[in-house]
């Protein structure tokens, strides 16, 4: 019923606690997260702030605490 639907919205919005991905704000689990710039990310959410290229720990530059690809 509608209560189940509302509960699903609440759980998806606030999660059940846990660590939130800095990129998408959804729960990120230990097996899928990377910690870069003192923040937790899904690997696929760690992207260049300028062009959205997916980054890795080895190919990014930090400017004012935000990730960028080395081209930007």
PDB file of N, CA and C in Angstrom:
ATOM      1  N   UNK A   1       0.810  -1.182   0.000  1.00  0.00           N
ATOM      2  CA  UNK A   1       0.000   0.000   0.000  1.00  0.00           C
ATOM      3  C   UNK A   1       0.858   1.254   0.000  1.00  0.00           C
ATOM      4  N   UNK A   2       0.217   2.360   0.242  1.00  0.00           N
ATOM      5  CA  UNK A   2       0.921   3.638   0.196  1.00  0.00           C
ATOM      6  C   UNK A   2       1.958   3.768   1.303  1.00  0.00           C
ATOM      7  N   UNK A   3       1.734   3.112   2.442  1.00  0.00           N
ATOM      8  CA  UNK A   3       2.723   3.187   3.519  1.00  0.00           C
ATOM      9  C   UNK A   3       4.035   2.539   3.104  1.00  0.00           C
ATOM     10  N   UNK A   4       3.957   1.417   2.399  1.00  0.00           N
ATOM     11  CA  UNK A   4       5.166   0.750   1.919  1.00  0.00           C
ATOM     12  C   UNK A   4       5.912   1.665   0.957  1.00  0.00           C
ATOM     13  N   UNK A   5       5.172   2.323   0.072  1.00  0.00           N
ATOM     14  CA  UNK A   5       5.773   3.236  -0.890  1.00  0.00           C
ATOM     15  C   UNK A   5       6.472   4.407  -0.179  1.00  0.00           C
ATOM     16  N   UNK A   6       5.787   5.009   0.791  1.00  0.00           N
ATOM     17  CA  UNK A   6       6.391   6.112   1.539  1.00  0.00           C
ATOM     18  C   UNK A   6       7.627   5.660   2.295  1.00  0.00           C
ATOM     19  N   UNK A   7       7.576   4.477   2.894  1.00  0.00           N
ATOM     20  CA  UNK A   7       8.726   3.956   3.613  1.00  0.00           C
ATOM     21  C   UNK A   7       9.899   3.766   2.653  1.00  0.00           C
ATOM     22  N   UNK A   8       9.628   3.306   1.439  1.00  0.00           N
ATOM     23  CA  UNK A   8      10.686   3.114   0.448  1.00  0.00           C
ATOM     24  C   UNK A   8      11.325   4.450   0.075  1.00  0.00           C
ATOM     25  N   UNK A   9      10.503   5.486  -0.046  1.00  0.00           N
ATOM     26  CA  UNK A   9      11.041   6.811  -0.361  1.00  0.00           C
ATOM     27  C   UNK A   9      11.918   7.305   0.794  1.00  0.00           C
ATOM     28  N   UNK A  10      11.422   7.171   1.998  1.00  0.00           N
ATOM     29  CA  UNK A  10      12.183   7.616   3.169  1.00  0.00           C
ATOM     30  C   UNK A  10      13.501   6.848   3.268  1.00  0.00           C
ATOM     31  N   UNK A  11      13.465   5.547   3.084  1.00  0.00           N
ATOM     32  CA  UNK A  11      14.683   4.747   3.184  1.00  0.00           C
ATOM     33  C   UNK A  11      15.662   5.107   2.073  1.00  0.00           C
ATOM     34  N   UNK A  12      15.155   5.377   0.873  1.00  0.00           N
ATOM     35  CA  UNK A  12      16.067   5.708  -0.208  1.00  0.00           C
ATOM     36  C   UNK A  12      16.647   7.106  -0.021  1.00  0.00           C
ATOM     37  N   UNK A  13      15.859   8.009   0.579  1.00  0.00           N
ATOM     38  CA  UNK A  13      16.349   9.379   0.770  1.00  0.00           C
ATOM     39  C   UNK A  13      17.365   9.452   1.904  1.00  0.00           C
ATOM     40  N   UNK A  14      17.055   8.817   3.008  1.00  0.00           N
ATOM     41  CA  UNK A  14      17.945   8.898   4.160  1.00  0.00           C
ATOM     42  C   UNK A  14      18.743   7.633   4.384  1.00  0.00           C
ATOM     43  N   UNK A  15      18.421   6.601   3.640  1.00  0.00           N
ATOM     44  CA  UNK A  15      19.123   5.336   3.783  1.00  0.00           C
ATOM     45  C   UNK A  15      18.870   4.739   5.149  1.00  0.00           C
ATOM     46  N   UNK A  16      19.496   3.639   5.415  1.00  0.00           N
ATOM     47  CA  UNK A  16      19.372   3.021   6.716  1.00  0.00           C
ATOM     48  C   UNK A  16      20.558   3.396   7.574  1.00  0.00           C
ATOM     49  N   UNK A  17      21.117   4.554   7.330  1.00  0.00           N
ATOM     50  CA  UNK A  17      22.371   4.917   7.969  1.00  0.00           C
ATOM     51  C   UNK A  17      23.486   4.530   7.024  1.00  0.00           C
ATOM     52  N   UNK A  18      24.663   4.335   7.531  1.00  0.00           N
ATOM     53  CA  UNK A  18      25.764   3.914   6.680  1.00  0.00           C
ATOM     54  C   UNK A  18      26.484   5.095   6.055  1.00  0.00           C
ATOM     55  N   UNK A  19      27.418   4.770   5.224  1.00  0.00           N
ATOM     56  CA  UNK A  19      28.291   5.751   4.587  1.00  0.00           C
ATOM     57  C   UNK A  19      27.635   6.212   3.295  1.00  0.00           C
ATOM     58  N   UNK A  20      27.644   7.506   3.054  1.00  0.00           N
ATOM     59  CA  UNK A  20      27.068   8.060   1.836  1.00  0.00           C
ATOM     60  C   UNK A  20      28.172   8.426   0.856  1.00  0.00           C
ATOM     61  N   UNK A  21      27.910   8.126  -0.414  1.00  0.00           N
ATOM     62  CA  UNK A  21      28.819   8.503  -1.491  1.00  0.00           C
ATOM     63  C   UNK A  21      28.770  10.020  -1.660  1.00  0.00           C
ATOM     64  N   UNK A  22      29.931  10.651  -1.746  1.00  0.00           N
ATOM     65  CA  UNK A  22      29.982  12.098  -1.920  1.00  0.00           C
ATOM     66  C   UNK A  22      29.456  12.503  -3.298  1.00  0.00           C
ATOM     67  N   UNK A  23      29.570  11.594  -4.278  1.00  0.00           N
ATOM     68  CA  UNK A  23      29.119  11.916  -5.638  1.00  0.00           C
ATOM     69  C   UNK A  23      27.617  11.857  -5.814  1.00  0.00           C
ATOM     70  N   UNK A  24      26.976  10.772  -5.333  1.00  0.00           N
ATOM     71  CA  UNK A  24      25.544  10.593  -5.583  1.00  0.00           C
ATOM     72  C   UNK A  24      24.694  10.648  -4.322  1.00  0.00           C
ATOM     73  N   UNK A  25      25.327  10.679  -3.165  1.00  0.00           N
ATOM     74  CA  UNK A  25      24.671  10.757  -1.864  1.00  0.00           C
ATOM     75  C   UNK A  25      23.879   9.508  -1.492  1.00  0.00           C
ATOM     76  N   UNK A  26      24.093   8.413  -2.210  1.00  0.00           N
ATOM     77  CA  UNK A  26      23.466   7.142  -1.851  1.00  0.00           C
ATOM     78  C   UNK A  26      24.436   6.344  -0.996  1.00  0.00           C
ATOM     79  N   UNK A  27      23.923   5.313  -0.339  1.00  0.00           N
ATOM     80  CA  UNK A  27      24.775   4.489   0.505  1.00  0.00           C
ATOM     81  C   UNK A  27      25.854   3.821  -0.335  1.00  0.00           C
ATOM     82  N   UNK A  28      27.065   3.846   0.165  1.00  0.00           N
ATOM     83  CA  UNK A  28      28.182   3.159  -0.490  1.00  0.00           C
ATOM     84  C   UNK A  28      28.739   2.156   0.512  1.00  0.00           C
ATOM     85  N   UNK A  29      28.837   0.913   0.077  1.00  0.00           N
ATOM     86  CA  UNK A  29      29.288  -0.168   0.948  1.00  0.00           C
ATOM     87  C   UNK A  29      30.799  -0.341   0.845  1.00  0.00           C
ATOM     88  N   UNK A  30      31.381  -0.901   1.870  1.00  0.00           N
ATOM     89  CA  UNK A  30      32.838  -1.028   1.969  1.00  0.00           C
ATOM     90  C   UNK A  30      33.447  -1.717   0.750  1.00  0.00           C
ATOM     91  N   UNK A  31      32.733  -2.692   0.197  1.00  0.00           N
ATOM     92  CA  UNK A  31      33.291  -3.442  -0.932  1.00  0.00           C
ATOM     93  C   UNK A  31      33.316  -2.644  -2.225  1.00  0.00           C
ATOM     94  N   UNK A  32      32.586  -1.539  -2.313  1.00  0.00           N
ATOM     95  CA  UNK A  32      32.498  -0.799  -3.567  1.00  0.00           C
ATOM     96  C   UNK A  32      32.997   0.634  -3.458  1.00  0.00           C
ATOM     97  N   UNK A  33      33.494   1.023  -2.288  1.00  0.00           N
ATOM     98  CA  UNK A  33      33.861   2.426  -2.110  1.00  0.00           C
ATOM     99  C   UNK A  33      35.352   2.659  -2.272  1.00  0.00           C
ATOM    100  N   UNK A  34      35.655   3.891  -2.625  1.00  0.00           N
ATOM    101  CA  UNK A  34      37.033   4.373  -2.559  1.00  0.00           C
ATOM    102  C   UNK A  34      37.007   5.620  -1.689  1.00  0.00           C
ATOM    103  N   UNK A  35      38.093   5.871  -0.992  1.00  0.00           N
ATOM    104  CA  UNK A  35      38.183   7.053  -0.147  1.00  0.00           C
ATOM    105  C   UNK A  35      39.243   7.956  -0.750  1.00  0.00           C
ATOM    106  N   UNK A  36      38.794   9.074  -1.278  1.00  0.00           N
ATOM    107  CA  UNK A  36      39.690  10.033  -1.921  1.00  0.00           C
ATOM    108  C   UNK A  36      39.299  11.422  -1.441  1.00  0.00           C
ATOM    109  N   UNK A  37      40.284  12.271  -1.208  1.00  0.00           N
ATOM    110  CA  UNK A  37      40.052  13.638  -0.743  1.00  0.00           C
ATOM    111  C   UNK A  37      39.250  13.639   0.556  1.00  0.00           C
ATOM    112  N   UNK A  38      39.510  12.641   1.393  1.00  0.00           N
ATOM    113  CA  UNK A  38      38.856  12.484   2.694  1.00  0.00           C
ATOM    114  C   UNK A  38      37.343  12.328   2.575  1.00  0.00           C
ATOM    115  N   UNK A  39      36.892  11.794   1.430  1.00  0.00           N
ATOM    116  CA  UNK A  39      35.473  11.534   1.193  1.00  0.00           C
ATOM    117  C   UNK A  39      35.332  10.117   0.639  1.00  0.00           C
ATOM    118  N   UNK A  40      34.148   9.532   0.828  1.00  0.00           N
ATOM    119  CA  UNK A  40      33.869   8.201   0.298  1.00  0.00           C
ATOM    120  C   UNK A  40      33.059   8.333  -0.984  1.00  0.00           C
ATOM    121  N   UNK A  41      33.401   7.505  -1.976  1.00  0.00           N
ATOM    122  CA  UNK A  41      32.764   7.549  -3.295  1.00  0.00           C
ATOM    123  C   UNK A  41      32.504   6.125  -3.770  1.00  0.00           C
ATOM    124  N   UNK A  42      31.453   5.939  -4.583  1.00  0.00           N
ATOM    125  CA  UNK A  42      31.376   4.746  -5.425  1.00  0.00           C
ATOM    126  C   UNK A  42      32.475   4.941  -6.475  1.00  0.00           C
ATOM    127  N   UNK A  43      33.083   3.880  -6.921  1.00  0.00           N
ATOM    128  CA  UNK A  43      34.143   4.027  -7.929  1.00  0.00           C
ATOM    129  C   UNK A  43      33.633   4.763  -9.160  1.00  0.00           C
ATOM    130  N   UNK A  44      32.399   4.465  -9.582  1.00  0.00           N
ATOM    131  CA  UNK A  44      31.835   5.108 -10.767  1.00  0.00           C
ATOM    132  C   UNK A  44      31.389   6.541 -10.563  1.00  0.00           C
ATOM    133  N   UNK A  45      31.313   6.991  -9.320  1.00  0.00           N
ATOM    134  CA  UNK A  45      30.883   8.373  -9.020  1.00  0.00           C
ATOM    135  C   UNK A  45      32.058   9.323  -8.853  1.00  0.00           C
ATOM    136  N   UNK A  46      33.266   8.792  -8.838  1.00  0.00           N
ATOM    137  CA  UNK A  46      34.442   9.642  -8.682  1.00  0.00           C
ATOM    138  C   UNK A  46      34.809  10.179 -10.060  1.00  0.00           C
ATOM    139  N   UNK A  47      34.319  11.391 -10.369  1.00  0.00           N
ATOM    140  CA  UNK A  47      34.433  11.955 -11.706  1.00  0.00           C
ATOM    141  C   UNK A  47      35.012  13.351 -11.664  1.00  0.00           C
ATOM    142  N   UNK A  48      35.546  13.764 -12.798  1.00  0.00           N
ATOM    143  CA  UNK A  48      36.066  15.121 -12.947  1.00  0.00           C
ATOM    144  C   UNK A  48      34.934  16.126 -12.746  1.00  0.00           C
ATOM    145  N   UNK A  49      35.174  17.113 -11.922  1.00  0.00           N
ATOM    146  CA  UNK A  49      34.188  18.153 -11.657  1.00  0.00           C
ATOM    147  C   UNK A  49      33.848  18.928 -12.925  1.00  0.00           C
ATOM    148  N   UNK A  50      34.793  19.025 -13.843  1.00  0.00           N
ATOM    149  CA  UNK A  50      34.606  19.816 -15.067  1.00  0.00           C
ATOM    150  C   UNK A  50      33.939  19.027 -16.190  1.00  0.00           C
ATOM    151  N   UNK A  51      34.447  17.826 -16.497  1.00  0.00           N
ATOM    152  CA  UNK A  51      33.977  17.113 -17.701  1.00  0.00           C
ATOM    153  C   UNK A  51      33.302  15.775 -17.411  1.00  0.00           C
ATOM    154  N   UNK A  52      33.247  15.374 -16.156  1.00  0.00           N
ATOM    155  CA  UNK A  52      32.579  14.129 -15.730  1.00  0.00           C
ATOM    156  C   UNK A  52      33.270  12.848 -16.193  1.00  0.00           C
ATOM    157  N   UNK A  53      34.527  12.935 -16.593  1.00  0.00           N
ATOM    158  CA  UNK A  53      35.292  11.727 -16.899  1.00  0.00           C
ATOM    159  C   UNK A  53      35.482  10.953 -15.606  1.00  0.00           C
ATOM    160  N   UNK A  54      35.247   9.641 -15.647  1.00  0.00           N
ATOM    161  CA  UNK A  54      35.463   8.809 -14.466  1.00  0.00           C
ATOM    162  C   UNK A  54      36.950   8.783 -14.144  1.00  0.00           C
ATOM    163  N   UNK A  55      37.266   8.999 -12.889  1.00  0.00           N
ATOM    164  CA  UNK A  55      38.650   9.089 -12.441  1.00  0.00           C
ATOM    165  C   UNK A  55      39.043   7.870 -11.620  1.00  0.00           C
ATOM    166  N   UNK A  56      40.339   7.704 -11.459  1.00  0.00           N
ATOM    167  CA  UNK A  56      40.875   6.687 -10.553  1.00  0.00           C
ATOM    168  C   UNK A  56      41.798   7.390  -9.571  1.00  0.00           C
ATOM    169  N   UNK A  57      42.278   6.620  -8.613  1.00  0.00           N
ATOM    170  CA  UNK A  57      43.198   7.182  -7.624  1.00  0.00           C
ATOM    171  C   UNK A  57      44.471   7.716  -8.294  1.00  0.00           C
ATOM    172  N   UNK A  58      44.782   7.216  -9.492  1.00  0.00           N
ATOM    173  CA  UNK A  58      46.056   7.544 -10.143  1.00  0.00           C
ATOM    174  C   UNK A  58      45.971   8.644 -11.192  1.00  0.00           C
ATOM    175  N   UNK A  59      44.759   9.033 -11.596  1.00  0.00           N
ATOM    176  CA  UNK A  59      44.695   9.971 -12.724  1.00  0.00           C
ATOM    177  C   UNK A  59      43.906  11.233 -12.419  1.00  0.00           C
ATOM    178  N   UNK A  60      43.909  11.690 -11.187  1.00  0.00           N
ATOM    179  CA  UNK A  60      43.163  12.900 -10.874  1.00  0.00           C
ATOM    180  C   UNK A  60      44.062  13.928 -10.217  1.00  0.00           C
ATOM    181  N   UNK A  61      43.592  15.156 -10.258  1.00  0.00           N
ATOM    182  CA  UNK A  61      44.239  16.250  -9.538  1.00  0.00           C
ATOM    183  C   UNK A  61      43.174  16.891  -8.663  1.00  0.00           C
ATOM    184  N   UNK A  62      43.550  17.315  -7.477  1.00  0.00           N
ATOM    185  CA  UNK A  62      42.603  17.957  -6.564  1.00  0.00           C
ATOM    186  C   UNK A  62      42.814  19.464  -6.603  1.00  0.00           C
ATOM    187  N   UNK A  63      41.734  20.186  -6.838  1.00  0.00           N
ATOM    188  CA  UNK A  63      41.775  21.642  -6.806  1.00  0.00           C
ATOM    189  C   UNK A  63      40.673  22.088  -5.861  1.00  0.00           C
ATOM    190  N   UNK A  64      41.061  22.774  -4.803  1.00  0.00           N
ATOM    191  CA  UNK A  64      40.124  23.235  -3.778  1.00  0.00           C
ATOM    192  C   UNK A  64      39.250  22.096  -3.248  1.00  0.00           C
ATOM    193  N   UNK A  65      39.861  20.913  -3.101  1.00  0.00           N
ATOM    194  CA  UNK A  65      39.153  19.773  -2.535  1.00  0.00           C
ATOM    195  C   UNK A  65      38.229  19.051  -3.470  1.00  0.00           C
ATOM    196  N   UNK A  66      38.228  19.416  -4.762  1.00  0.00           N
ATOM    197  CA  UNK A  66      37.366  18.761  -5.746  1.00  0.00           C
ATOM    198  C   UNK A  66      38.237  18.025  -6.756  1.00  0.00           C
ATOM    199  N   UNK A  67      37.748  16.879  -7.253  1.00  0.00           N
ATOM    200  CA  UNK A  67      38.542  16.113  -8.209  1.00  0.00           C
ATOM    201  C   UNK A  67      38.397  16.631  -9.642  1.00  0.00           C
ATOM    202  N   UNK A  68      39.517  16.623 -10.333  1.00  0.00           N
ATOM    203  CA  UNK A  68      39.547  16.984 -11.753  1.00  0.00           C
ATOM    204  C   UNK A  68      40.435  15.990 -12.480  1.00  0.00           C
ATOM    205  N   UNK A  69      40.149  15.774 -13.768  1.00  0.00           N
ATOM    206  CA  UNK A  69      41.086  14.975 -14.571  1.00  0.00           C
ATOM    207  C   UNK A  69      42.302  15.862 -14.828  1.00  0.00           C
ATOM    208  N   UNK A  70      43.392  15.261 -15.204  1.00  0.00           N
ATOM    209  CA  UNK A  70      44.625  16.042 -15.359  1.00  0.00           C
ATOM    210  C   UNK A  70      44.560  17.014 -16.528  1.00  0.00           C
ATOM    211  N   UNK A  71      43.615  16.801 -17.461  1.00  0.00           N
ATOM    212  CA  UNK A  71      43.452  17.749 -18.574  1.00  0.00           C
ATOM    213  C   UNK A  71      42.806  19.050 -18.111  1.00  0.00           C
ATOM    214  N   UNK A  72      42.039  18.988 -17.008  1.00  0.00           N
ATOM    215  CA  UNK A  72      41.352  20.188 -16.539  1.00  0.00           C
ATOM    216  C   UNK A  72      41.942  20.662 -15.229  1.00  0.00           C
TER     217      UNK A  72
END
